[in-house]
PDB file of N, CA and C in Angstrom:
ATOM      1  N   MET A   1      37.862 -16.646  68.939  1.00  0.00           N
ATOM      2  CA  MET A   1      39.437 -16.528  67.831  1.00  0.00           C
ATOM      3  C   MET A   1      38.768 -14.703  68.562  1.00  0.00           C
ATOM      4  N   ASN A   2      39.386 -14.025  69.565  1.00  0.00           N
ATOM      5  CA  ASN A   2      39.222 -12.930  70.358  1.00  0.00           C
ATOM      6  C   ASN A   2      40.030 -11.920  69.300  1.00  0.00           C
ATOM      7  N   LYS A   3      40.018 -11.213  69.794  1.00  0.00           N
ATOM      8  CA  LYS A   3      40.513  -9.699  68.176  1.00  0.00           C
ATOM      9  C   LYS A   3      42.280  -9.117  68.458  1.00  0.00           C
ATOM     10  N   HIS A   4      42.252  -9.790  69.463  1.00  0.00           N
ATOM     11  CA  HIS A   4      43.813 -10.344  69.897  1.00  0.00           C
ATOM     12  C   HIS A   4      44.359 -11.086  69.029  1.00  0.00           C
ATOM     13  N   ASP A   5      43.749 -12.180  68.795  1.00  0.00           N
ATOM     14  CA  ASP A   5      44.303 -13.418  69.035  1.00  0.00           C
ATOM     15  C   ASP A   5      44.107 -13.837  67.565  1.00  0.00           C
ATOM     16  N   HIS A   6      45.673 -13.345  66.787  1.00  0.00           N
ATOM     17  CA  HIS A   6      46.112 -13.300  65.567  1.00  0.00           C
ATOM     18  C   HIS A   6      46.400 -15.051  64.483  1.00  0.00           C
ATOM     19  N   GLY A   7      45.366 -15.826  63.583  1.00  0.00           N
ATOM     20  CA  GLY A   7      45.963 -17.040  63.429  1.00  0.00           C
ATOM     21  C   GLY A   7      47.129 -16.362  62.014  1.00  0.00           C
ATOM     22  N   LEU A   8      48.332 -17.539  62.169  1.00  0.00           N
ATOM     23  CA  LEU A   8      49.354 -16.629  62.278  1.00  0.00           C
ATOM     24  C   LEU A   8      50.303 -18.024  61.306  1.00  0.00           C
ATOM     25  N   LYS A   9      50.683 -18.185  60.118  1.00  0.00           N
ATOM     26  CA  LYS A   9      51.287 -19.390  59.680  1.00  0.00           C
ATOM     27  C   LYS A   9      52.532 -19.075  59.684  1.00  0.00           C
ATOM     28  N   PRO A  10      53.506 -19.979  60.473  1.00  0.00           N
ATOM     29  CA  PRO A  10      55.130 -19.809  60.494  1.00  0.00           C
ATOM     30  C   PRO A  10      55.923 -19.910  59.336  1.00  0.00           C
ATOM     31  N   THR A  11      57.024 -19.375  59.108  1.00  0.00           N
ATOM     32  CA  THR A  11      57.478 -20.116  58.319  1.00  0.00           C
ATOM     33  C   THR A  11      58.821 -21.173  58.761  1.00  0.00           C
ATOM     34  N   HIS A  12      59.225 -22.100  58.086  1.00  0.00           N
ATOM     35  CA  HIS A  12      60.449 -22.487  58.149  1.00  0.00           C
ATOM     36  C   HIS A  12      61.946 -22.337  58.933  1.00  0.00           C
ATOM     37  N   SER A  13      61.594 -21.418  58.765  1.00  0.00           N
ATOM     38  CA  SER A  13      63.115 -20.094  59.066  1.00  0.00           C
ATOM     39  C   SER A  13      62.874 -19.637  61.016  1.00  0.00           C
ATOM     40  N   ILE A  14      61.325 -19.701  61.299  1.00  0.00           N
ATOM     41  CA  ILE A  14      61.549 -19.646  63.000  1.00  0.00           C
ATOM     42  C   ILE A  14      60.934 -20.838  63.352  1.00  0.00           C
ATOM     43  N   LYS A  15      62.072 -20.545  64.111  1.00  0.00           N
ATOM     44  CA  LYS A  15      62.163 -21.299  65.779  1.00  0.00           C
ATOM     45  C   LYS A  15      61.239 -20.724  66.086  1.00  0.00           C
ATOM     46  N   LYS A  16      60.605 -22.403  66.551  1.00  0.00           N
ATOM     47  CA  LYS A  16      59.055 -22.511  67.689  1.00  0.00           C
ATOM     48  C   LYS A  16      60.250 -22.172  69.664  1.00  0.00           C
ATOM     49  N   GLY A  17      58.539 -21.570  69.387  1.00  0.00           N
ATOM     50  CA  GLY A  17      59.244 -21.045  70.939  1.00  0.00           C
ATOM     51  C   GLY A  17      58.105 -20.160  71.556  1.00  0.00           C
ATOM     52  N   THR A  18      57.238 -19.455  72.889  1.00  0.00           N
ATOM     53  CA  THR A  18      57.512 -18.048  73.192  1.00  0.00           C
ATOM     54  C   THR A  18      58.030 -17.341  73.424  1.00  0.00           C
ATOM     55  N   VAL A  19      57.463 -15.997  72.631  1.00  0.00           N
ATOM     56  CA  VAL A  19      58.336 -15.092  72.434  1.00  0.00           C
ATOM     57  C   VAL A  19      56.602 -13.820  73.392  1.00  0.00           C
ATOM     58  N   VAL A  20      57.405 -12.924  74.093  1.00  0.00           N
ATOM     59  CA  VAL A  20      56.553 -11.962  75.035  1.00  0.00           C
ATOM     60  C   VAL A  20      57.045 -10.606  74.963  1.00  0.00           C
ATOM     61  N   PHE A  21      56.423  -9.214  74.293  1.00  0.00           N
ATOM     62  CA  PHE A  21      56.649  -8.057  74.221  1.00  0.00           C
ATOM     63  C   PHE A  21      56.368  -7.440  75.484  1.00  0.00           C
ATOM     64  N   GLN A  22      57.259  -6.829  75.976  1.00  0.00           N
ATOM     65  CA  GLN A  22      56.976  -6.216  77.915  1.00  0.00           C
ATOM     66  C   GLN A  22      56.915  -4.711  76.538  1.00  0.00           C
ATOM     67  N   ILE A  23      56.000  -3.399  76.771  1.00  0.00           N
ATOM     68  CA  ILE A  23      56.417  -2.304  76.433  1.00  0.00           C
ATOM     69  C   ILE A  23      56.149  -1.159  77.278  1.00  0.00           C
ATOM     70  N   SER A  24      57.545  -1.237  77.777  1.00  0.00           N
ATOM     71  CA  SER A  24      57.654  -0.513  78.872  1.00  0.00           C
ATOM     72  C   SER A  24      57.368   0.141  79.107  1.00  0.00           C
ATOM     73  N   ASP A  25      56.582   1.281  78.901  1.00  0.00           N
ATOM     74  CA  ASP A  25      56.340   2.963  78.877  1.00  0.00           C
ATOM     75  C   ASP A  25      54.505   3.129  79.514  1.00  0.00           C
ATOM     76  N   THR A  26      54.232   1.674  78.389  1.00  0.00           N
ATOM     77  CA  THR A  26      52.171   1.904  78.673  1.00  0.00           C
ATOM     78  C   THR A  26      52.643   0.140  79.191  1.00  0.00           C
ATOM     79  N   ASN A  27      52.935  -0.826  79.977  1.00  0.00           N
ATOM     80  CA  ASN A  27      53.149  -1.526  80.498  1.00  0.00           C
ATOM     81  C   ASN A  27      51.727  -3.036  79.751  1.00  0.00           C
ATOM     82  N   GLU A  28      51.672  -2.699  78.078  1.00  0.00           N
ATOM     83  CA  GLU A  28      50.782  -3.433  77.490  1.00  0.00           C
ATOM     84  C   GLU A  28      51.946  -5.127  77.845  1.00  0.00           C
ATOM     85  N   THR A  29      51.667  -6.222  77.427  1.00  0.00           N
ATOM     86  CA  THR A  29      52.139  -7.528  77.435  1.00  0.00           C
ATOM     87  C   THR A  29      51.499  -7.736  75.338  1.00  0.00           C
ATOM     88  N   TYR A  30      52.255  -9.044  75.633  1.00  0.00           N
ATOM     89  CA  TYR A  30      51.962  -9.008  73.460  1.00  0.00           C
ATOM     90  C   TYR A  30      52.703 -10.613  73.447  1.00  0.00           C
ATOM     91  N   ALA A  31      51.938 -11.761  73.740  1.00  0.00           N
ATOM     92  CA  ALA A  31      52.674 -13.031  73.465  1.00  0.00           C
ATOM     93  C   ALA A  31      52.364 -13.224  71.919  1.00  0.00           C
ATOM     94  N   LEU A  32      53.369 -14.183  71.724  1.00  0.00           N
ATOM     95  CA  LEU A  32      53.846 -14.490  70.092  1.00  0.00           C
ATOM     96  C   LEU A  32      53.714 -16.271  71.027  1.00  0.00           C
ATOM     97  N   ASP A  33      52.852 -16.462  69.926  1.00  0.00           N
ATOM     98  CA  ASP A  33      53.028 -18.590  70.160  1.00  0.00           C
ATOM     99  C   ASP A  33      53.534 -18.773  69.415  1.00  0.00           C
ATOM    100  N   LEU A  34      54.500 -19.327  69.098  1.00  0.00           N
ATOM    101  CA  LEU A  34      55.983 -20.316  67.851  1.00  0.00           C
ATOM    102  C   LEU A  34      55.497 -21.813  68.083  1.00  0.00           C
ATOM    103  N   LYS A  35      54.978 -22.152  69.022  1.00  0.00           N
ATOM    104  CA  LYS A  35      55.090 -23.418  69.233  1.00  0.00           C
ATOM    105  C   LYS A  35      53.971 -24.534  68.548  1.00  0.00           C
ATOM    106  N   SER A  36      52.489 -23.463  68.304  1.00  0.00           N
ATOM    107  CA  SER A  36      52.171 -24.976  67.501  1.00  0.00           C
ATOM    108  C   SER A  36      52.659 -25.432  66.161  1.00  0.00           C
ATOM    109  N   THR A  37      52.078 -26.602  65.692  1.00  0.00           N
ATOM    110  CA  THR A  37      52.627 -26.210  64.060  1.00  0.00           C
ATOM    111  C   THR A  37      51.450 -25.987  63.293  1.00  0.00           C
ATOM    112  N   GLY A  38      51.350 -25.752  62.484  1.00  0.00           N
ATOM    113  CA  GLY A  38      50.626 -24.878  61.410  1.00  0.00           C
ATOM    114  C   GLY A  38      50.637 -23.601  61.121  1.00  0.00           C
ATOM    115  N   ASN A  39      50.116 -23.681  62.811  1.00  0.00           N
ATOM    116  CA  ASN A  39      49.639 -21.714  63.257  1.00  0.00           C
ATOM    117  C   ASN A  39      50.260 -21.090  63.491  1.00  0.00           C
ATOM    118  N   PHE A  40      50.369 -19.687  64.713  1.00  0.00           N
ATOM    119  CA  PHE A  40      51.213 -19.444  66.019  1.00  0.00           C
ATOM    120  C   PHE A  40      49.983 -18.206  66.108  1.00  0.00           C
ATOM    121  N   SER A  41      50.228 -17.639  66.878  1.00  0.00           N
ATOM    122  CA  SER A  41      49.344 -16.411  67.514  1.00  0.00           C
ATOM    123  C   SER A  41      49.759 -15.893  68.519  1.00  0.00           C
ATOM    124  N   VAL A  42      49.035 -14.437  68.409  1.00  0.00           N
ATOM    125  CA  VAL A  42      49.157 -13.300  68.865  1.00  0.00           C
ATOM    126  C   VAL A  42      48.277 -12.732  70.297  1.00  0.00           C
ATOM    127  N   LYS A  43      48.422 -12.849  70.930  1.00  0.00           N
ATOM    128  CA  LYS A  43      47.572 -12.248  72.251  1.00  0.00           C
ATOM    129  C   LYS A  43      47.871 -10.851  72.694  1.00  0.00           C
ATOM    130  N   LYS A  44      47.301 -10.550  73.396  1.00  0.00           N
ATOM    131  CA  LYS A  44      47.486  -8.798  74.407  1.00  0.00           C
ATOM    132  C   LYS A  44      46.684  -9.622  75.434  1.00  0.00           C
ATOM    133  N   SER A  45      47.673  -9.188  76.548  1.00  0.00           N
ATOM    134  CA  SER A  45      47.344  -9.072  77.805  1.00  0.00           C
ATOM    135  C   SER A  45      47.798  -8.429  78.734  1.00  0.00           C
ATOM    136  N   ASP A  46      46.767  -8.467  79.910  1.00  0.00           N
ATOM    137  CA  ASP A  46      47.602  -7.341  80.711  1.00  0.00           C
ATOM    138  C   ASP A  46      47.787  -8.260  82.102  1.00  0.00           C
ATOM    139  N   ALA A  47      47.538  -9.460  82.157  1.00  0.00           N
ATOM    140  CA  ALA A  47      48.172  -9.747  83.291  1.00  0.00           C
ATOM    141  C   ALA A  47      49.673 -11.228  82.679  1.00  0.00           C
ATOM    142  N   GLU A  48      50.579 -11.800  83.955  1.00  0.00           N
ATOM    143  CA  GLU A  48      51.417 -11.947  84.080  1.00  0.00           C
ATOM    144  C   GLU A  48      51.072 -13.229  83.498  1.00  0.00           C
ATOM    145  N   MET A  49      52.376 -13.062  82.414  1.00  0.00           N
ATOM    146  CA  MET A  49      52.265 -14.468  81.181  1.00  0.00           C
ATOM    147  C   MET A  49      52.943 -15.337  81.900  1.00  0.00           C
ATOM    148  N   PRO A  50      53.406 -16.709  81.136  1.00  0.00           N
ATOM    149  CA  PRO A  50      53.749 -17.999  81.449  1.00  0.00           C
ATOM    150  C   PRO A  50      55.287 -17.778  81.492  1.00  0.00           C
ATOM    151  N   LYS A  51      56.041 -18.237  82.034  1.00  0.00           N
ATOM    152  CA  LYS A  51      57.554 -18.096  81.563  1.00  0.00           C
ATOM    153  C   LYS A  51      57.571 -18.411  80.210  1.00  0.00           C
ATOM    154  N   PRO A  52      57.613 -17.173  79.101  1.00  0.00           N
ATOM    155  CA  PRO A  52      58.497 -17.587  77.855  1.00  0.00           C
ATOM    156  C   PRO A  52      59.872 -17.637  77.667  1.00  0.00           C
ATOM    157  N   ASP A  53      59.939 -18.794  76.693  1.00  0.00           N
ATOM    158  CA  ASP A  53      61.228 -19.102  76.016  1.00  0.00           C
ATOM    159  C   ASP A  53      62.180 -17.280  75.506  1.00  0.00           C
ATOM    160  N   LEU A  54      61.518 -16.634  75.599  1.00  0.00           N
ATOM    161  CA  LEU A  54      62.210 -15.093  75.005  1.00  0.00           C
ATOM    162  C   LEU A  54      61.449 -14.093  75.496  1.00  0.00           C
ATOM    163  N   HIS A  55      61.847 -13.061  76.458  1.00  0.00           N
ATOM    164  CA  HIS A  55      61.328 -12.608  76.684  1.00  0.00           C
ATOM    165  C   HIS A  55      61.753 -10.244  76.051  1.00  0.00           C
ATOM    166  N   ILE A  56      61.072  -9.775  75.964  1.00  0.00           N
ATOM    167  CA  ILE A  56      61.595  -8.696  74.852  1.00  0.00           C
ATOM    168  C   ILE A  56      61.054  -7.434  76.194  1.00  0.00           C
ATOM    169  N   THR A  57      61.664  -6.156  76.290  1.00  0.00           N
ATOM    170  CA  THR A  57      61.320  -5.170  77.031  1.00  0.00           C
ATOM    171  C   THR A  57      61.351  -4.070  75.452  1.00  0.00           C
ATOM    172  N   ILE A  58      60.283  -3.303  75.206  1.00  0.00           N
ATOM    173  CA  ILE A  58      61.160  -2.254  74.489  1.00  0.00           C
ATOM    174  C   ILE A  58      59.450  -1.256  74.823  1.00  0.00           C
ATOM    175  N   ASP A  59      59.811  -0.052  73.870  1.00  0.00           N
ATOM    176  CA  ASP A  59      59.321   1.103  74.486  1.00  0.00           C
ATOM    177  C   ASP A  59      58.223   1.518  73.493  1.00  0.00           C
ATOM    178  N   SER A  60      56.835   2.040  73.355  1.00  0.00           N
ATOM    179  CA  SER A  60      55.958   1.984  72.863  1.00  0.00           C
ATOM    180  C   SER A  60      56.802   2.313  70.959  1.00  0.00           C
ATOM    181  N   ALA A  61      57.483   3.632  71.082  1.00  0.00           N
ATOM    182  CA  ALA A  61      57.137   4.338  69.835  1.00  0.00           C
ATOM    183  C   ALA A  61      58.947   2.845  69.354  1.00  0.00           C
ATOM    184  N   ASN A  62      59.654   2.647  69.859  1.00  0.00           N
ATOM    185  CA  ASN A  62      60.411   1.702  69.146  1.00  0.00           C
ATOM    186  C   ASN A  62      60.042   0.668  68.948  1.00  0.00           C
ATOM    187  N   MET A  63      58.252  -0.410  69.326  1.00  0.00           N
ATOM    188  CA  MET A  63      58.031  -0.813  69.362  1.00  0.00           C
ATOM    189  C   MET A  63      57.528  -0.636  67.543  1.00  0.00           C
ATOM    190  N   SER A  64      57.001  -0.123  67.883  1.00  0.00           N
ATOM    191  CA  SER A  64      56.357   0.911  66.317  1.00  0.00           C
ATOM    192  C   SER A  64      57.448   0.903  65.782  1.00  0.00           C
ATOM    193  N   LYS A  65      58.493   1.304  65.469  1.00  0.00           N
ATOM    194  CA  LYS A  65      60.006   1.222  64.449  1.00  0.00           C
ATOM    195  C   LYS A  65      60.012  -0.114  64.327  1.00  0.00           C
ATOM    196  N   LEU A  66      59.888  -1.157  64.838  1.00  0.00           N
ATOM    197  CA  LEU A  66      60.244  -2.707  64.917  1.00  0.00           C
ATOM    198  C   LEU A  66      59.422  -3.195  64.162  1.00  0.00           C
ATOM    199  N   ILE A  67      57.888  -3.266  64.456  1.00  0.00           N
ATOM    200  CA  ILE A  67      56.393  -3.246  63.724  1.00  0.00           C
ATOM    201  C   ILE A  67      57.084  -2.801  61.808  1.00  0.00           C
ATOM    202  N   GLU A  68      57.282  -1.915  61.762  1.00  0.00           N
ATOM    203  CA  GLU A  68      57.094  -0.891  60.745  1.00  0.00           C
ATOM    204  C   GLU A  68      58.554  -1.128  59.696  1.00  0.00           C
ATOM    205  N   GLY A  69      59.456  -2.080  59.928  1.00  0.00           N
ATOM    206  CA  GLY A  69      60.875  -1.850  59.372  1.00  0.00           C
ATOM    207  C   GLY A  69      61.780  -1.038  59.781  1.00  0.00           C
ATOM    208  N   LYS A  70      61.147  -0.315  60.069  1.00  0.00           N
ATOM    209  CA  LYS A  70      62.114   0.945  60.801  1.00  0.00           C
ATOM    210  C   LYS A  70      63.092   0.845  61.443  1.00  0.00           C
ATOM    211  N   LEU A  71      63.627  -0.297  62.342  1.00  0.00           N
ATOM    212  CA  LEU A  71      63.991  -0.426  63.122  1.00  0.00           C
ATOM    213  C   LEU A  71      64.942  -1.827  63.562  1.00  0.00           C
ATOM    214  N   LYS A  72      65.795  -2.729  63.015  1.00  0.00           N
ATOM    215  CA  LYS A  72      65.809  -4.032  62.995  1.00  0.00           C
ATOM    216  C   LYS A  72      66.547  -4.333  64.908  1.00  0.00           C
ATOM    217  N   PRO A  73      65.950  -5.682  64.702  1.00  0.00           N
ATOM    218  CA  PRO A  73      65.948  -5.625  66.021  1.00  0.00           C
ATOM    219  C   PRO A  73      67.731  -6.292  66.393  1.00  0.00           C
ATOM    220  N   GLN A  74      68.793  -6.589  65.979  1.00  0.00           N
ATOM    221  CA  GLN A  74      69.933  -6.275  66.202  1.00  0.00           C
ATOM    222  C   GLN A  74      70.733  -4.844  66.679  1.00  0.00           C
ATOM    223  N   GLN A  75      70.015  -4.226  65.663  1.00  0.00           N
ATOM    224  CA  GLN A  75      70.289  -2.787  65.807  1.00  0.00           C
ATOM    225  C   GLN A  75      69.872  -1.826  67.618  1.00  0.00           C
ATOM    226  N   ALA A  76      68.481  -2.710  67.228  1.00  0.00           N
ATOM    227  CA  ALA A  76      68.131  -1.879  69.506  1.00  0.00           C
ATOM    228  C   ALA A  76      68.720  -2.955  69.501  1.00  0.00           C
ATOM    229  N   PHE A  77      68.858  -3.994  69.619  1.00  0.00           N
ATOM    230  CA  PHE A  77      69.803  -4.525  70.809  1.00  0.00           C
ATOM    231  C   PHE A  77      70.991  -3.934  71.446  1.00  0.00           C
ATOM    232  N   MET A  78      72.235  -3.695  70.260  1.00  0.00           N
ATOM    233  CA  MET A  78      73.060  -3.091  70.005  1.00  0.00           C
ATOM    234  C   MET A  78      73.114  -1.626  70.921  1.00  0.00           C
ATOM    235  N   LYS A  79      71.861  -1.108  70.554  1.00  0.00           N
ATOM    236  CA  LYS A  79      72.093   0.131  71.010  1.00  0.00           C
ATOM    237  C   LYS A  79      70.801   0.302  72.232  1.00  0.00           C
ATOM    238  N   VAL A  80      71.027  -0.837  73.054  1.00  0.00           N
ATOM    239  CA  VAL A  80      69.996  -1.212  74.490  1.00  0.00           C
ATOM    240  C   VAL A  80      69.294  -0.586  74.452  1.00  0.00           C
ATOM    241  N   ILE A  81      68.177  -0.181  72.534  1.00  0.00           N
ATOM    242  CA  ILE A  81      67.467   0.735  73.372  1.00  0.00           C
ATOM    243  C   ILE A  81      65.918  -0.547  73.347  1.00  0.00           C
ATOM    244  N   LEU A  82      66.172  -2.296  73.471  1.00  0.00           N
ATOM    245  CA  LEU A  82      66.182  -3.261  73.740  1.00  0.00           C
ATOM    246  C   LEU A  82      66.921  -4.047  74.528  1.00  0.00           C
ATOM    247  N   LYS A  83      66.023  -5.113  75.303  1.00  0.00           N
ATOM    248  CA  LYS A  83      66.246  -5.803  76.273  1.00  0.00           C
ATOM    249  C   LYS A  83      66.215  -7.178  76.090  1.00  0.00           C
ATOM    250  N   ILE A  84      66.820  -8.176  75.738  1.00  0.00           N
ATOM    251  CA  ILE A  84      66.321  -9.661  75.993  1.00  0.00           C
ATOM    252  C   ILE A  84      66.719 -10.556  77.104  1.00  0.00           C
ATOM    253  N   LYS A  85      65.952 -10.828  77.175  1.00  0.00           N
ATOM    254  CA  LYS A  85      66.371 -12.119  78.172  1.00  0.00           C
ATOM    255  C   LYS A  85      65.362 -13.649  77.724  1.00  0.00           C
ATOM    256  N   GLY A  86      66.475 -14.837  78.023  1.00  0.00           N
ATOM    257  CA  GLY A  86      65.831 -16.130  77.326  1.00  0.00           C
ATOM    258  C   GLY A  86      67.019 -16.224  76.250  1.00  0.00           C
ATOM    259  N   ASN A  87      65.275 -17.131  75.434  1.00  0.00           N
ATOM    260  CA  ASN A  87      66.180 -17.974  74.066  1.00  0.00           C
ATOM    261  C   ASN A  87      67.017 -16.986  73.079  1.00  0.00           C
ATOM    262  N   MET A  88      68.624 -16.933  73.048  1.00  0.00           N
ATOM    263  CA  MET A  88      69.221 -16.095  72.497  1.00  0.00           C
ATOM    264  C   MET A  88      69.341 -16.851  70.918  1.00  0.00           C
ATOM    265  N   GLY A  89      68.820 -18.149  70.483  1.00  0.00           N
ATOM    266  CA  GLY A  89      68.732 -18.936  68.784  1.00  0.00           C
ATOM    267  C   GLY A  89      67.073 -18.291  68.229  1.00  0.00           C
ATOM    268  N   LEU A  90      66.164 -17.984  69.460  1.00  0.00           N
ATOM    269  CA  LEU A  90      65.062 -17.959  68.967  1.00  0.00           C
ATOM    270  C   LEU A  90      65.180 -16.246  69.258  1.00  0.00           C
ATOM    271  N   ALA A  91      65.819 -15.121  69.591  1.00  0.00           N
ATOM    272  CA  ALA A  91      66.369 -14.077  69.648  1.00  0.00           C
ATOM    273  C   ALA A  91      66.685 -13.811  67.854  1.00  0.00           C
ATOM    274  N   MET A  92      67.551 -14.689  67.845  1.00  0.00           N
ATOM    275  CA  MET A  92      68.702 -14.803  66.296  1.00  0.00           C
ATOM    276  C   MET A  92      67.481 -14.314  65.538  1.00  0.00           C
ATOM    277  N   LYS A  93      66.192 -15.099  65.757  1.00  0.00           N
ATOM    278  CA  LYS A  93      65.625 -15.241  64.329  1.00  0.00           C
ATOM    279  C   LYS A  93      64.291 -14.163  64.457  1.00  0.00           C
ATOM    280  N   LEU A  94      64.338 -13.224  65.620  1.00  0.00           N
ATOM    281  CA  LEU A  94      63.364 -11.954  65.539  1.00  0.00           C
ATOM    282  C   LEU A  94      63.135 -11.733  64.098  1.00  0.00           C
ATOM    283  N   ASN A  95      63.762 -11.110  63.344  1.00  0.00           N
ATOM    284  CA  ASN A  95      63.762 -10.585  62.232  1.00  0.00           C
ATOM    285  C   ASN A  95      63.065 -11.320  61.697  1.00  0.00           C
ATOM    286  N   ALA A  96      63.024 -12.387  61.559  1.00  0.00           N
ATOM    287  CA  ALA A  96      61.915 -13.402  60.369  1.00  0.00           C
ATOM    288  C   ALA A  96      60.931 -12.958  61.066  1.00  0.00           C
ATOM    289  N   VAL A  97      60.696 -13.109  62.397  1.00  0.00           N
ATOM    290  CA  VAL A  97      59.193 -13.299  63.010  1.00  0.00           C
ATOM    291  C   VAL A  97      58.736 -11.782  62.428  1.00  0.00           C
ATOM    292  N   LEU A  98      59.240 -10.957  62.866  1.00  0.00           N
ATOM    293  CA  LEU A  98      58.713  -9.388  62.333  1.00  0.00           C
ATOM    294  C   LEU A  98      57.902  -9.522  60.880  1.00  0.00           C
ATOM    295  N   VAL A  99      58.923  -9.883  60.427  1.00  0.00           N
ATOM    296  CA  VAL A  99      58.722 -10.044  59.122  1.00  0.00           C
ATOM    297  C   VAL A  99      57.122 -10.840  58.784  1.00  0.00           C
ATOM    298  N   VAL A 100      57.142 -11.605  59.356  1.00  0.00           N
ATOM    299  CA  VAL A 100      56.196 -12.242  58.715  1.00  0.00           C
ATOM    300  C   VAL A 100      54.710 -11.909  59.720  1.00  0.00           C
ATOM    301  N   THR A 101      55.107 -10.997  60.841  1.00  0.00           N
ATOM    302  CA  THR A 101      54.127 -10.325  61.716  1.00  0.00           C
ATOM    303  C   THR A 101      53.679  -8.889  61.777  1.00  0.00           C
ATOM    304  N   PRO A 102      54.072  -8.071  60.893  1.00  0.00           N
ATOM    305  CA  PRO A 102      53.963  -6.906  60.732  1.00  0.00           C
ATOM    306  C   PRO A 102      52.494  -6.192  61.035  1.00  0.00           C
ATOM    307  N   LYS A 103      51.848  -7.511  60.265  1.00  0.00           N
ATOM    308  CA  LYS A 103      50.239  -6.356  60.711  1.00  0.00           C
ATOM    309  C   LYS A 103      50.077  -7.194  61.044  1.00  0.00           C
ATOM    310  N   LYS A 104      50.392  -8.153  61.815  1.00  0.00           N
ATOM    311  CA  LYS A 104      49.432  -8.956  63.092  1.00  0.00           C
ATOM    312  C   LYS A 104      49.273  -8.359  64.332  1.00  0.00           C
ATOM    313  N   LEU A 105      50.924  -7.793  64.605  1.00  0.00           N
ATOM    314  CA  LEU A 105      50.944  -7.511  65.897  1.00  0.00           C
ATOM    315  C   LEU A 105      50.695  -5.471  66.633  1.00  0.00           C
ATOM    316  N   PRO A 106      49.084  -6.105  67.372  1.00  0.00           N
ATOM    317  CA  PRO A 106      49.191  -4.197  67.251  1.00  0.00           C
ATOM    318  C   PRO A 106      49.913  -3.269  67.985  1.00  0.00           C
ATOM    319  N   LYS A 107      49.638  -2.328  67.627  1.00  0.00           N
ATOM    320  CA  LYS A 107      50.142  -0.930  67.771  1.00  0.00           C
ATOM    321  C   LYS A 107      50.434  -0.988  69.557  1.00  0.00           C
ATOM    322  N   PRO A 108      51.582  -0.698  70.404  1.00  0.00           N
ATOM    323  CA  PRO A 108      50.891  -0.204  71.544  1.00  0.00           C
ATOM    324  C   PRO A 108      50.461   0.620  71.458  1.00  0.00           C
ATOM    325  N   LYS A 109      50.080   1.667  72.346  1.00  0.00           N
ATOM    326  CA  LYS A 109      49.417   2.785  72.393  1.00  0.00           C
ATOM    327  C   LYS A 109      50.357   3.792  72.593  1.00  0.00           C
ATOM    328  N   LEU A 110      50.365   4.535  71.982  1.00  0.00           N
ATOM    329  CA  LEU A 110      51.218   6.315  72.326  1.00  0.00           C
ATOM    330  C   LEU A 110      50.990   7.313  72.826  1.00  0.00           C
TER     331      LEU A 110
END
């Protein structure tokens, strides 16, 4: 396990899939693999990732707010702060993912 690969245990409320966060202003990419049974992982990559089930684009300041719980995913989507492509069922569980992973997702460079 490297410094950006965190073993996490999913809760039953989290839908299985792969979520990619693209940080628009720093070109950072974080992938959450929620498909594994028992644990899931967070990886940082600067390379192109395989097609995810859910792709989220957001800037670094608002990503930090999401991780800290100061911004809810639904609010960010309605205000067009974050853009979503892919599985909307998984997108609806984004809040549960963020509740489980706030200290595991690395903060983007500000």
